[in-house]
Protein backbone atom coordinates (compact mmCIF):
# COMPACT_ATOMS: atom_id res chain seq x y z
CA MET A 1 0.00 0.00 0.00
CA GLU A 2 1.39 3.37 -0.98
CA VAL A 3 0.87 6.36 1.28
CA ARG A 4 -2.23 8.43 0.68
CA GLU A 5 -1.66 12.03 -0.27
CA SER A 6 -3.92 13.21 2.56
CA ASP A 7 -1.90 11.19 5.10
CA LEU A 8 1.38 12.53 3.77
CA LEU A 9 -0.02 16.06 3.87
CA SER A 10 -0.86 15.64 7.57
CA LEU A 11 2.75 14.65 8.29
CA LEU A 12 4.33 17.40 6.21
CA LYS A 13 2.06 20.07 7.67
CA THR A 14 2.99 18.92 11.17
CA ILE A 15 6.68 19.13 10.28
CA GLU A 16 6.17 22.63 8.90
CA VAL A 17 4.40 23.78 12.08
CA LEU A 18 7.15 22.27 14.27
CA LYS A 19 9.92 23.83 12.17
CA PRO A 20 11.34 25.96 15.03
CA TYR A 21 11.95 22.74 17.01
CA LEU A 22 13.09 20.29 14.33
CA LYS A 23 16.64 20.25 15.72
CA ASP A 24 15.28 19.30 19.15
CA VAL A 25 12.72 16.61 18.32
CA VAL A 26 12.76 13.27 16.51
CA ILE A 27 10.01 11.83 14.33
CA VAL A 28 9.44 8.26 15.52
CA GLY A 29 6.81 5.54 15.10
CA GLY A 30 5.21 4.26 11.92
CA TRP A 31 6.14 7.25 9.76
CA VAL A 32 9.85 6.48 10.04
CA PRO A 33 9.92 3.71 7.39
CA LEU A 34 8.09 5.97 4.96
CA LEU A 35 10.53 8.83 5.59
CA TYR A 36 13.42 6.42 5.01
CA ARG A 37 11.84 5.24 1.79
CA ARG A 38 10.53 8.46 0.29
CA TYR A 39 13.18 10.95 1.34
CA GLY A 40 16.05 9.07 2.98
CA ARG A 41 17.23 7.02 0.01
CA ILE A 42 16.70 3.75 1.85
CA PRO A 43 14.94 1.37 -0.57
CA SER A 44 12.16 -1.04 0.23
CA ARG A 45 11.23 -4.29 -1.48
CA HIS A 46 7.80 -4.59 0.07
CA PRO A 47 4.56 -2.57 0.28
CA SER A 48 4.38 0.03 3.02
CA VAL A 49 1.95 -0.10 5.93
CA ARG A 50 -0.45 2.79 6.37
CA THR A 51 -0.15 4.74 9.59
CA MET A 52 -2.19 7.65 10.89
CA ASP A 53 -0.68 8.77 14.19
CA ILE A 54 2.35 11.05 14.15
CA ASP A 55 4.67 10.27 17.06
CA VAL A 56 7.24 12.88 18.07
CA ALA A 57 9.98 12.13 20.60
CA VAL A 58 11.04 15.05 22.79
CA PRO A 59 13.59 15.38 25.61
CA ARG A 60 12.40 15.51 29.21
CA HIS A 61 13.10 19.25 29.35
CA LEU A 62 12.56 21.17 26.12
CA LYS A 63 13.85 24.74 26.32
CA GLU A 64 11.87 27.53 24.73
CA SER A 65 14.96 29.67 23.99
CA GLY A 66 12.86 32.64 22.88
CA ARG A 67 10.60 30.55 20.67
CA PRO A 68 6.84 30.09 20.98
CA THR A 69 6.11 26.87 22.82
CA ILE A 70 5.12 23.80 20.82
CA ASP A 71 1.65 24.04 22.34
CA GLU A 72 1.39 27.65 21.13
CA LEU A 73 2.58 26.74 17.63
CA LEU A 74 0.09 23.92 17.29
CA SER A 75 -2.78 25.91 18.79
CA SER A 76 -2.10 28.81 16.43
CA ALA A 77 -2.21 26.38 13.48
CA GLY A 78 -5.62 25.05 14.52
CA TYR A 79 -4.67 21.86 16.33
CA LYS A 80 -6.76 20.96 19.38
CA ALA A 81 -5.38 19.13 22.42
CA ARG A 82 -7.61 16.25 23.53
CA VAL A 83 -7.20 13.91 26.48
CA TYR A 84 -7.80 10.17 26.10
CA GLY A 85 -7.98 7.41 28.68
CA SER A 86 -9.19 7.17 32.24
CA ASP A 87 -6.50 5.35 34.24
CA VAL A 88 -3.72 6.72 32.02
CA SER A 89 -4.31 10.11 30.41
CA ILE A 90 -2.79 10.53 26.96
CA VAL A 91 -2.85 13.91 25.23
CA LYS A 92 -3.08 14.09 21.46
CA TYR A 93 -3.11 17.15 19.23
CA GLU A 94 -5.72 16.77 16.51
CA LEU A 95 -6.60 18.56 13.31
CA GLU A 96 -9.76 17.99 11.29
CA SER A 97 -8.33 18.72 7.83
CA PRO A 98 -6.17 17.00 6.92
CA VAL A 99 -7.08 14.48 9.63
CA THR A 100 -4.11 14.46 12.01
CA GLU A 101 -3.25 13.01 15.40
CA ILE A 102 0.05 13.95 17.03
CA GLU A 103 1.37 12.42 20.22
CA PHE A 104 4.51 13.52 22.04
CA LEU A 105 6.70 10.92 23.72
CA THR A 106 9.58 11.27 26.15
CA PRO A 107 11.93 8.83 27.93
CA GLU A 108 10.81 7.28 31.17
CA VAL A 109 13.38 8.13 33.85
CA GLY A 110 14.09 5.89 36.83
CA ARG A 111 11.47 3.50 38.08
CA PRO A 112 8.09 3.43 36.34
CA GLY A 113 6.09 6.35 37.62
CA LYS A 114 3.78 8.89 36.08
CA ALA A 115 2.52 8.01 32.62
CA THR A 116 3.04 11.56 31.39
CA ALA A 117 5.58 14.30 32.01
CA THR A 118 5.36 18.01 31.26
CA VAL A 119 8.38 18.61 29.02
CA GLN A 120 7.64 22.25 28.20
CA ARG A 121 5.11 24.82 29.28
CA GLY A 122 1.72 23.43 28.23
CA LEU A 123 3.16 20.29 26.61
CA PRO A 124 2.56 16.89 28.24
CA ALA A 125 4.35 13.86 26.76
CA GLN A 126 3.82 10.18 27.37
CA ALA A 127 6.79 8.70 29.25
CA LEU A 128 8.03 5.45 27.71
CA ARG A 129 10.83 3.01 28.43
CA TYR A 130 13.68 2.73 25.91
CA LEU A 131 12.72 5.97 24.15
CA GLN A 132 16.15 7.48 24.78
CA ILE A 133 17.50 5.07 22.17
CA LEU A 134 15.52 6.95 19.53
CA LEU A 135 16.44 10.41 20.80
CA GLU A 136 20.17 9.71 21.09
CA ASN A 137 20.81 7.80 17.85
CA THR A 138 19.51 9.75 14.87
CA MET A 139 20.06 10.62 11.26
CA GLU A 140 18.93 13.66 9.30
CA ILE A 141 16.64 13.49 6.28
CA ASP A 142 16.15 16.35 3.83
CA ILE A 143 12.57 16.86 2.72
CA ASN A 144 11.94 18.94 -0.37
CA ASP A 145 8.45 18.26 -1.64
CA THR A 146 5.13 19.73 -2.72
CA VAL A 147 1.96 17.94 -1.66
CA SER A 148 -1.54 19.32 -2.23
CA GLY A 149 -0.10 22.78 -2.77
CA LEU A 150 2.05 22.73 0.38
CA ASP A 151 5.71 23.40 -0.37
CA ILE A 152 8.05 22.08 2.27
CA SER A 153 11.81 22.30 2.60
CA SER A 154 13.00 21.01 5.96
CA VAL A 155 15.52 18.75 7.62
CA VAL A 156 14.01 16.28 10.08
CA ARG A 157 15.65 13.94 12.54
CA VAL A 158 14.63 10.28 12.60
CA PRO A 159 16.13 7.31 14.43
CA SER A 160 18.97 5.49 12.70
CA PRO A 161 17.81 2.12 11.30
CA GLY A 162 19.57 0.10 14.01
CA ALA A 163 18.13 2.27 16.79
CA PHE A 164 14.65 2.04 15.27
CA ILE A 165 14.80 -1.77 15.18
CA TYR A 166 16.38 -2.06 18.64
CA GLN A 167 13.70 0.04 20.31
CA LYS A 168 10.89 -1.73 18.44
CA GLY A 169 12.23 -5.13 19.47
CA LEU A 170 12.56 -4.09 23.10
CA THR A 171 8.96 -2.90 23.32
CA LEU A 172 7.27 -5.91 21.68
CA SER A 173 6.06 -7.25 25.02
CA HIS A 174 4.55 -3.84 25.91
CA ARG A 175 2.72 -3.18 22.61
CA ARG A 176 0.61 -6.27 21.98
CA ALA A 177 -1.92 -4.32 19.92
CA LYS A 178 0.80 -3.11 17.55
CA VAL A 179 3.12 -6.13 17.42
CA SER A 180 2.19 -7.08 13.86
CA LYS A 181 3.08 -3.63 12.51
CA ASP A 182 6.25 -3.38 14.59
CA LEU A 183 7.48 -6.77 13.36
CA TYR A 184 6.65 -5.81 9.77
CA TYR A 185 8.65 -2.58 10.11
CA ILE A 186 11.65 -4.60 11.32
CA PHE A 187 11.26 -7.16 8.52
CA ASP A 188 10.93 -4.48 5.86
CA LEU A 189 14.10 -2.71 7.00
CA LEU A 190 16.11 -5.92 7.19
CA GLU A 191 14.99 -6.68 3.66
CA SER A 192 15.63 -3.22 2.22
CA SER A 193 19.24 -3.76 1.10
CA THR A 194 22.28 -5.97 1.57
CA GLU A 195 24.14 -3.01 3.07
CA LEU A 196 21.56 -2.48 5.80
CA ARG A 197 21.27 -6.18 6.51
CA ASP A 198 24.99 -6.12 7.27
CA SER A 199 25.17 -2.76 9.06
CA ILE A 200 22.13 -3.10 11.35
CA PRO A 201 23.55 -5.99 13.45
CA ALA A 202 26.80 -4.04 13.86
CA GLU A 203 24.90 -0.94 14.96
CA ILE A 204 22.74 -2.84 17.43
CA ASN A 205 25.80 -4.47 18.98
CA SER A 206 27.26 -0.98 19.36
CA LEU A 207 24.04 0.13 21.08
CA ARG A 208 24.25 -2.92 23.34
CA SER A 209 27.49 -1.60 24.80
CA ARG A 210 26.01 1.85 25.45
CA TYR A 211 22.83 0.87 27.28
CA ALA A 212 21.94 -1.58 30.04
CA ALA A 213 23.36 -5.03 29.23
CA ARG A 214 20.06 -6.72 30.09
CA TRP A 215 18.33 -4.81 27.29
CA PHE A 216 20.16 -6.79 24.63
CA GLY A 217 19.11 -10.05 26.27
CA SER A 218 15.49 -8.88 26.31
CA PHE A 219 15.73 -7.90 22.65
CA ILE A 220 16.98 -11.35 21.62
CA ARG A 221 14.41 -13.14 23.79
CA ASN A 222 11.57 -11.08 22.32
CA LEU A 223 12.55 -11.98 18.77
CA ASN A 224 13.15 -15.65 19.57
CA LYS A 225 9.73 -15.81 21.21
CA TYR A 226 8.00 -14.84 17.99
CA PHE A 227 10.19 -16.70 15.48
CA PRO A 228 11.13 -20.19 16.74
CA GLU A 229 9.83 -21.71 13.48
CA SER A 230 8.04 -20.74 10.28
CA GLY A 231 4.67 -21.81 11.71
CA ALA A 232 5.07 -19.65 14.83
CA GLU A 233 3.16 -16.51 15.76
CA GLY A 234 5.75 -14.05 14.42
CA PRO A 235 5.67 -14.97 10.71
CA ALA A 236 1.87 -15.08 10.84
CA LEU A 237 1.72 -11.61 12.40
CA VAL A 238 4.06 -10.12 9.80
CA ALA A 239 1.97 -11.73 7.05
CA THR A 240 -1.15 -9.89 8.25
CA GLN A 241 0.50 -6.61 7.22
CA TYR A 242 1.80 -7.82 3.85
CA THR A 243 -0.19 -6.92 0.71
CA GLY A 244 2.29 -8.02 -1.95
CA PRO A 245 2.12 -10.88 -4.49
CA VAL A 246 4.13 -13.55 -2.63
CA PRO A 247 1.96 -16.54 -1.55
CA ALA A 248 1.21 -16.60 2.18
CA ASP A 249 3.09 -19.82 3.01
CA THR A 250 6.14 -18.73 1.04
CA PHE A 251 6.09 -15.33 2.69
CA ARG A 252 5.84 -16.77 6.21
CA ASN A 253 8.77 -19.13 5.54
CA TYR A 254 10.83 -16.26 4.16
CA THR A 255 9.97 -14.04 7.14
CA HIS A 256 11.12 -16.76 9.54
CA ARG A 257 14.44 -17.15 7.71
CA THR A 258 14.97 -13.39 7.71
CA PHE A 259 14.55 -13.07 11.48
CA ARG A 260 16.49 -16.29 12.17
CA ASP A 261 19.44 -15.03 10.11
CA PHE A 262 19.20 -11.62 11.82
CA VAL A 263 19.39 -13.10 15.34
CA GLN A 264 22.26 -15.33 14.26
CA ALA A 265 24.14 -12.32 12.84
CA LEU A 266 23.63 -10.44 16.13
CA GLN A 267 24.96 -13.33 18.15
CA GLU A 268 27.96 -13.81 15.86
CA ALA A 269 28.79 -10.10 16.00
CA ARG A 270 28.67 -10.27 19.80
CA ALA A 271 31.04 -13.25 19.98
């Protein structure tokens, strides 16, 4: 499935509104593979997965430095802040046209505590484990495009491919509702090119040495849980997101081999 123009417009308009803060924030979540593919010169061999939400990672303390706050920028552009949830309150900024939902995320610090943290005046962000991986390991992507009459020329920060995969793999046990998409994103990146298939294990092993040692063990266990064999849950979940021409059984077998070879490459690089 290729991205809809209205969906892409919602992302690009958000980037344009956040322009004063693009050096401080990182676009994360399901839009990252599309940014890699469309603007980052990272190829893809498989259909993309549609996403609606725009996730933006922000540091725990985001300085204003003479700029309008992010809340002020979004409010001035017509976005409305809405609170969802009862036990855990999540704030999303929404726009009716084009339909847009933006959520701000920030690293969880210390023991699990409050679900949200105020990172700037008027700006609550959901606090999540492992998010620092995405904030601290980034690459820049140049966007020069015109969509539905909107001209945009900006540089955005996204996670590096290894960081994106590492964080996704670490959170599999916490995101049951989104496991199929997260596994598909990992599969698609591993399959994008020979160069990435070689460089991603090396990058993840570098990340392993920079963060808690137990994280790497959790990452490997999470992947092994889903891909012990071709008939396991993982290949079936990835297949639910695939809309290409490969027959289902063939695709599931290929998915299993891809993840099996990836885990083996990680373990060999660690040895």
